[in-house]
Protein backbone atom coordinates (compact mmCIF):
# COMPACT_ATOMS: atom_id res chain seq x y z
CA MET A 1 -6.91 -18.03 -11.36
CA ASN A 2 -7.16 -18.12 -15.11
CA ARG A 3 -5.34 -15.90 -17.62
CA ASN A 4 -7.64 -12.89 -17.25
CA GLY A 5 -7.22 -12.84 -13.47
CA SER A 6 -10.60 -14.22 -12.49
CA GLN A 7 -10.98 -17.32 -10.41
CA ALA A 8 -11.82 -20.54 -12.22
CA LEU A 9 -15.00 -22.28 -11.13
CA THR A 10 -14.63 -25.97 -10.47
CA ILE A 11 -17.80 -28.02 -10.49
CA ARG A 12 -17.84 -31.66 -9.53
CA ILE A 13 -20.16 -33.72 -11.71
CA HIS A 14 -22.09 -36.29 -9.69
CA ARG A 15 -23.12 -39.61 -11.24
CA SER A 16 -26.02 -40.10 -8.82
CA TYR A 17 -28.31 -37.82 -6.86
CA SER A 18 -26.79 -35.72 -4.09
CA PRO A 19 -28.67 -32.85 -2.41
CA ASP A 20 -25.58 -30.63 -2.61
CA ALA A 21 -24.78 -31.41 -6.26
CA VAL A 22 -24.63 -28.54 -8.71
CA VAL A 23 -24.51 -30.94 -11.67
CA THR A 24 -25.69 -34.54 -11.92
CA LEU A 25 -24.99 -36.48 -15.09
CA HIS A 26 -26.75 -39.80 -14.88
CA GLU A 27 -26.11 -42.28 -17.66
CA GLY A 28 -28.79 -44.87 -17.17
CA ASP A 29 -32.46 -45.44 -16.63
CA ARG A 30 -34.41 -42.32 -15.70
CA LEU A 31 -36.42 -44.20 -13.07
CA GLU A 32 -33.21 -45.22 -11.32
CA LEU A 33 -32.21 -41.56 -10.95
CA LEU A 34 -35.71 -40.36 -10.05
CA SER A 35 -35.98 -43.00 -7.31
CA GLN A 36 -32.91 -41.45 -5.60
CA ILE A 37 -34.52 -38.01 -5.30
CA PRO A 38 -36.67 -37.32 -2.22
CA ALA A 39 -40.30 -36.30 -2.67
CA GLY A 40 -40.76 -32.57 -3.14
CA ASP A 41 -37.04 -31.91 -3.61
CA ALA A 42 -37.04 -30.53 -7.18
CA ARG A 43 -38.08 -27.01 -8.08
CA LEU A 44 -37.66 -27.70 -11.80
CA VAL A 45 -37.82 -30.86 -13.88
CA VAL A 46 -36.81 -30.53 -17.54
CA THR A 47 -36.80 -33.49 -19.88
CA SER A 48 -36.98 -34.45 -23.51
CA PRO A 49 -38.00 -38.09 -23.59
CA PRO A 50 -37.66 -40.30 -26.67
CA TYR A 51 -40.43 -39.85 -29.24
CA ASN A 52 -40.71 -43.58 -29.95
CA ILE A 53 -39.87 -43.23 -33.62
CA GLY A 54 -37.19 -45.91 -33.72
CA LYS A 55 -33.97 -43.90 -33.51
CA ARG A 56 -30.90 -45.98 -32.74
CA TYR A 57 -30.80 -44.83 -29.08
CA GLU A 58 -34.37 -45.94 -28.37
CA LYS A 59 -36.37 -49.12 -28.64
CA ARG A 60 -39.61 -48.61 -30.56
CA LEU A 61 -42.54 -49.73 -28.42
CA ALA A 62 -46.22 -50.32 -29.03
CA PHE A 63 -47.85 -46.90 -28.67
CA ASP A 64 -49.86 -47.84 -25.55
CA HIS A 65 -46.72 -49.24 -23.90
CA TYR A 66 -44.82 -46.06 -24.80
CA LEU A 67 -47.53 -43.89 -23.22
CA GLU A 68 -47.48 -46.07 -20.10
CA GLU A 69 -43.72 -45.54 -19.77
CA GLN A 70 -44.28 -41.79 -20.11
CA ARG A 71 -46.99 -41.95 -17.43
CA VAL A 72 -44.64 -43.74 -15.00
CA THR A 73 -41.89 -41.18 -15.66
CA LEU A 74 -44.34 -38.29 -15.24
CA GLN A 75 -45.64 -39.82 -12.00
CA GLU A 76 -42.11 -40.03 -10.57
CA SER A 77 -41.35 -36.51 -11.82
CA CYS A 78 -44.44 -35.24 -10.01
CA ARG A 79 -43.39 -37.07 -6.84
CA ILE A 80 -40.06 -35.24 -6.70
CA LEU A 81 -41.55 -31.87 -7.70
CA ALA A 82 -41.93 -29.23 -4.98
CA ASN A 83 -45.40 -27.72 -4.49
CA ASP A 84 -44.21 -24.54 -6.20
CA GLY A 85 -42.14 -26.41 -8.79
CA SER A 86 -42.44 -26.59 -12.57
CA LEU A 87 -42.24 -29.42 -15.04
CA CYS A 88 -41.09 -28.79 -18.62
CA TRP A 89 -41.84 -31.80 -20.83
CA GLN A 90 -40.48 -31.39 -24.33
CA VAL A 91 -42.09 -33.72 -26.85
CA GLY A 92 -42.55 -33.87 -30.59
CA ASN A 93 -44.47 -36.16 -32.86
CA HIS A 94 -44.85 -39.90 -33.00
CA VAL A 95 -45.01 -41.41 -36.48
CA GLY A 96 -47.30 -44.43 -36.70
CA GLY A 97 -46.59 -47.51 -38.77
CA ASP A 98 -48.71 -46.14 -41.63
CA GLY A 99 -46.88 -42.80 -41.59
CA GLU A 100 -49.61 -40.90 -39.71
CA ILE A 101 -48.25 -38.28 -37.32
CA PHE A 102 -49.51 -38.10 -33.74
CA PRO A 103 -48.65 -34.94 -31.73
CA LEU A 104 -47.43 -36.51 -28.48
CA ASP A 105 -48.33 -33.49 -26.34
CA ILE A 106 -52.03 -34.26 -26.86
CA TYR A 107 -51.56 -37.63 -25.15
CA ILE A 108 -49.12 -36.33 -22.54
CA TYR A 109 -51.56 -33.55 -21.58
CA GLY A 110 -54.17 -36.13 -20.54
CA ILE A 111 -51.63 -38.00 -18.43
CA CYS A 112 -50.53 -34.75 -16.77
CA ARG A 113 -54.12 -33.76 -15.98
CA ASN A 114 -54.73 -37.14 -14.34
CA LEU A 115 -51.65 -36.52 -12.17
CA GLY A 116 -53.03 -33.15 -11.02
CA LEU A 117 -50.76 -30.95 -13.13
CA LYS A 118 -52.03 -27.78 -14.74
CA LEU A 119 -50.88 -26.61 -18.15
CA ARG A 120 -49.38 -23.13 -17.83
CA ASN A 121 -47.71 -22.72 -21.20
CA ARG A 122 -47.31 -24.51 -24.49
CA ILE A 123 -44.52 -23.77 -26.93
CA ILE A 124 -44.87 -24.94 -30.51
């Protein structure tokens, strides 16, 4: 019990997928974690992938290569998603070499449609 008399909740943080995990904190490649999750097992997938703008935690890729990596991640996310599940994909803008801004959700939407997903909401 803690000081106010209520019981303390202890949650074990898993480093890899476990069906009974309350919390999984995976430090590594997203495809490594996604490959551990059985098909149809996730009711909710929430992610905020890199925007490919060259921040120190990401490697800036050619735009087509970046979109292909997003497609692969989306494909694996769809594989693990339950039939009644939801996918929340938080993206921003990509800044091209000449400074032009590309809203990434426009490109991601096309990938999602090709994977059979339906847009239900868009938050700007």
